Amino acid sequence: MNTHPYLRAFMAGILVPTLVLPLLLIAFIVLRFGMQVTFPIERGLVFPMALVPGLWGLWSILWQWSHERTHLPLGVHGALLPLLMVPAGAAIATHAGVLVLAATSVTWFNALTVPYALIAVLLACAMGAYYLAWKYIVGFANRVLGIA
């Protein structure tokens, strides 16, 4: 009997962003239309809304495929994902013209300038959050789906 472990790994991986991204969209709608915050962030929502769930699913499949050889804990594997997503997102945003790279900072939407030191701190925080999400939530989904 074929139990389709990669399909179940994909479903476990997309659980978190599929639940979180609509909440972020609701927060954006409340800020944008309810509180009249004028910030052109909707152009930046396309990347996470379209690509992040699929990327989480593929990352989960990669863990399922490589776990027998690497024995890398799920949380550590998940914490590595921002190291791929941030440069990929920055490259796409730079190419789309929403992110401008400077010597000491980046400018987002020609409105917000963020120094690289703050980006490094935010990346470390994101890696910590991803570690916890992958260890506890995706790990729980893996156990429920019988692939952990």
Protein backbone atom coordinates (compact mmCIF):
# COMPACT_ATOMS: atom_id res chain seq x y z
CA MET A 1 0.00 0.00 0.00
CA ASN A 2 1.36 3.43 -0.97
CA THR A 3 0.82 5.85 1.91
CA HIS A 4 1.97 8.98 0.02
CA PRO A 5 4.33 10.35 2.69
CA TYR A 6 5.41 13.32 0.55
CA LEU A 7 1.83 14.44 -0.01
CA ARG A 8 1.19 14.22 3.73
CA ALA A 9 4.44 16.11 4.39
CA PHE A 10 3.32 18.83 1.98
CA MET A 11 -0.04 19.12 3.75
CA ALA A 12 1.66 19.32 7.15
CA GLY A 13 4.01 22.01 5.84
CA ILE A 14 1.34 24.27 4.40
CA LEU A 15 -0.75 24.20 7.58
CA VAL A 16 0.91 27.11 9.37
CA PRO A 17 1.12 29.69 6.55
CA THR A 18 -2.36 28.76 5.34
CA LEU A 19 -3.72 29.62 8.78
CA VAL A 20 -1.54 32.67 9.47
CA LEU A 21 -1.55 34.52 6.14
CA PRO A 22 -5.33 35.18 6.10
CA LEU A 23 -4.99 36.69 9.59
CA LEU A 24 -2.26 38.98 8.28
CA LEU A 25 -4.51 39.89 5.35
CA ILE A 26 -7.30 40.80 7.77
CA ALA A 27 -4.88 42.97 9.76
CA PHE A 28 -3.81 44.66 6.52
CA ILE A 29 -7.42 45.31 5.51
CA VAL A 30 -8.23 46.80 8.92
CA LEU A 31 -5.14 49.04 8.81
CA ARG A 32 -5.57 50.07 5.19
CA PHE A 33 -9.30 50.61 4.94
CA GLY A 34 -10.48 50.87 8.54
CA MET A 35 -7.73 53.10 9.92
CA GLN A 36 -6.73 54.74 6.61
CA VAL A 37 -3.03 53.92 6.94
CA THR A 38 -1.51 54.90 3.61
CA PHE A 39 1.39 52.59 2.94
CA PRO A 40 1.68 50.75 -0.38
CA ILE A 41 2.27 47.37 1.22
CA GLU A 42 -0.22 45.51 -0.96
CA ARG A 43 2.49 45.14 -3.58
CA GLY A 44 4.57 43.33 -0.98
CA LEU A 45 1.75 40.99 0.00
CA VAL A 46 1.83 39.14 -3.32
CA PHE A 47 5.07 37.30 -2.53
CA PRO A 48 4.04 35.83 0.82
CA MET A 49 0.44 35.14 -0.10
CA ALA A 50 1.37 33.30 -3.29
CA LEU A 51 4.65 31.59 -2.55
CA VAL A 52 5.09 31.01 1.18
CA PRO A 53 2.56 28.16 1.69
CA GLY A 54 3.94 26.21 -1.25
CA LEU A 55 7.50 26.86 -0.10
CA TRP A 56 6.67 25.59 3.39
CA GLY A 57 5.13 22.48 1.85
CA LEU A 58 8.16 21.84 -0.35
CA TRP A 59 10.46 22.46 2.62
CA SER A 60 8.51 19.86 4.59
CA ILE A 61 8.84 17.39 1.71
CA LEU A 62 12.59 18.06 1.68
CA TRP A 63 12.78 17.29 5.40
CA GLN A 64 10.80 14.09 4.91
CA TRP A 65 13.07 13.04 2.05
CA SER A 66 16.37 13.90 3.75
CA HIS A 67 15.63 13.06 7.39
CA GLU A 68 16.82 9.45 7.13
CA ARG A 69 20.26 10.65 5.96
CA THR A 70 20.73 13.91 7.87
CA HIS A 71 18.82 13.25 11.12
CA LEU A 72 18.30 17.03 11.32
CA PRO A 73 15.60 17.93 13.85
CA LEU A 74 12.43 19.37 12.30
CA GLY A 75 12.73 22.67 14.20
CA VAL A 76 16.28 23.26 13.00
CA HIS A 77 15.28 22.38 9.45
CA GLY A 78 12.43 24.88 9.64
CA ALA A 79 14.66 27.58 11.13
CA LEU A 80 16.85 27.41 8.02
CA LEU A 81 13.95 28.38 5.74
CA PRO A 82 14.18 32.15 6.41
CA LEU A 83 17.79 32.00 5.22
CA LEU A 84 16.37 31.12 1.80
CA MET A 85 13.21 33.21 1.89
CA VAL A 86 14.75 36.56 2.87
CA PRO A 87 17.31 36.70 0.04
CA ALA A 88 14.75 35.36 -2.44
CA GLY A 89 12.20 37.94 -1.32
CA ALA A 90 14.81 40.70 -1.44
CA ALA A 91 15.85 39.70 -4.95
CA ILE A 92 12.25 39.67 -6.16
CA ALA A 93 11.47 42.98 -4.42
CA THR A 94 14.62 44.60 -5.82
CA HIS A 95 13.78 43.40 -9.31
CA ALA A 96 10.18 44.66 -8.91
CA GLY A 97 11.41 48.06 -7.75
CA VAL A 98 9.93 47.97 -4.25
CA LEU A 99 13.26 47.51 -2.48
CA VAL A 100 16.35 49.64 -2.99
CA LEU A 101 19.65 48.38 -1.56
CA ALA A 102 22.09 50.97 -0.22
CA ALA A 103 25.45 50.72 1.53
CA THR A 104 24.10 50.66 5.09
CA SER A 105 20.35 50.16 4.70
CA VAL A 106 17.49 49.16 2.45
CA THR A 107 14.60 51.37 1.43
CA TRP A 108 11.25 49.67 1.15
CA PHE A 109 8.53 51.22 -1.07
CA ASN A 110 10.53 54.48 -1.17
CA ALA A 111 9.07 55.19 2.27
CA LEU A 112 10.75 53.06 4.92
CA THR A 113 14.52 52.83 5.42
CA VAL A 114 15.76 49.91 7.48
CA PRO A 115 19.43 49.49 8.49
CA TYR A 116 21.08 46.13 7.85
CA ALA A 117 21.71 45.65 11.59
CA LEU A 118 17.97 45.71 12.25
CA ILE A 119 17.41 43.29 9.38
CA ALA A 120 19.92 40.90 10.98
CA VAL A 121 18.05 41.09 14.30
CA LEU A 122 14.70 40.55 12.56
CA LEU A 123 16.14 37.59 10.65
CA ALA A 124 17.31 36.02 13.91
CA CYS A 125 13.84 36.56 15.41
CA ALA A 126 12.23 35.05 12.31
CA MET A 127 14.51 32.03 12.56
CA GLY A 128 13.49 31.60 16.20
CA ALA A 129 9.80 31.87 15.34
CA TYR A 130 10.20 29.43 12.46
CA TYR A 131 12.04 27.02 14.76
CA LEU A 132 9.14 27.04 17.19
CA ALA A 133 6.47 26.81 14.48
CA TRP A 134 8.20 23.90 12.78
CA LYS A 135 9.06 22.07 15.98
CA TYR A 136 5.63 22.30 17.57
CA ILE A 137 2.99 22.97 14.91
CA VAL A 138 4.41 21.24 11.84
CA GLY A 139 5.79 18.49 14.08
CA PHE A 140 2.30 18.00 15.55
CA ALA A 141 0.79 17.87 12.05
CA ASN A 142 3.45 15.32 11.03
CA ARG A 143 2.53 13.14 14.02
CA VAL A 144 -1.20 13.43 13.30
CA LEU A 145 -0.61 12.49 9.65
CA GLY A 146 1.63 9.59 10.70
CA ILE A 147 4.87 10.68 9.06
CA ALA A 148 6.92 11.81 12.07
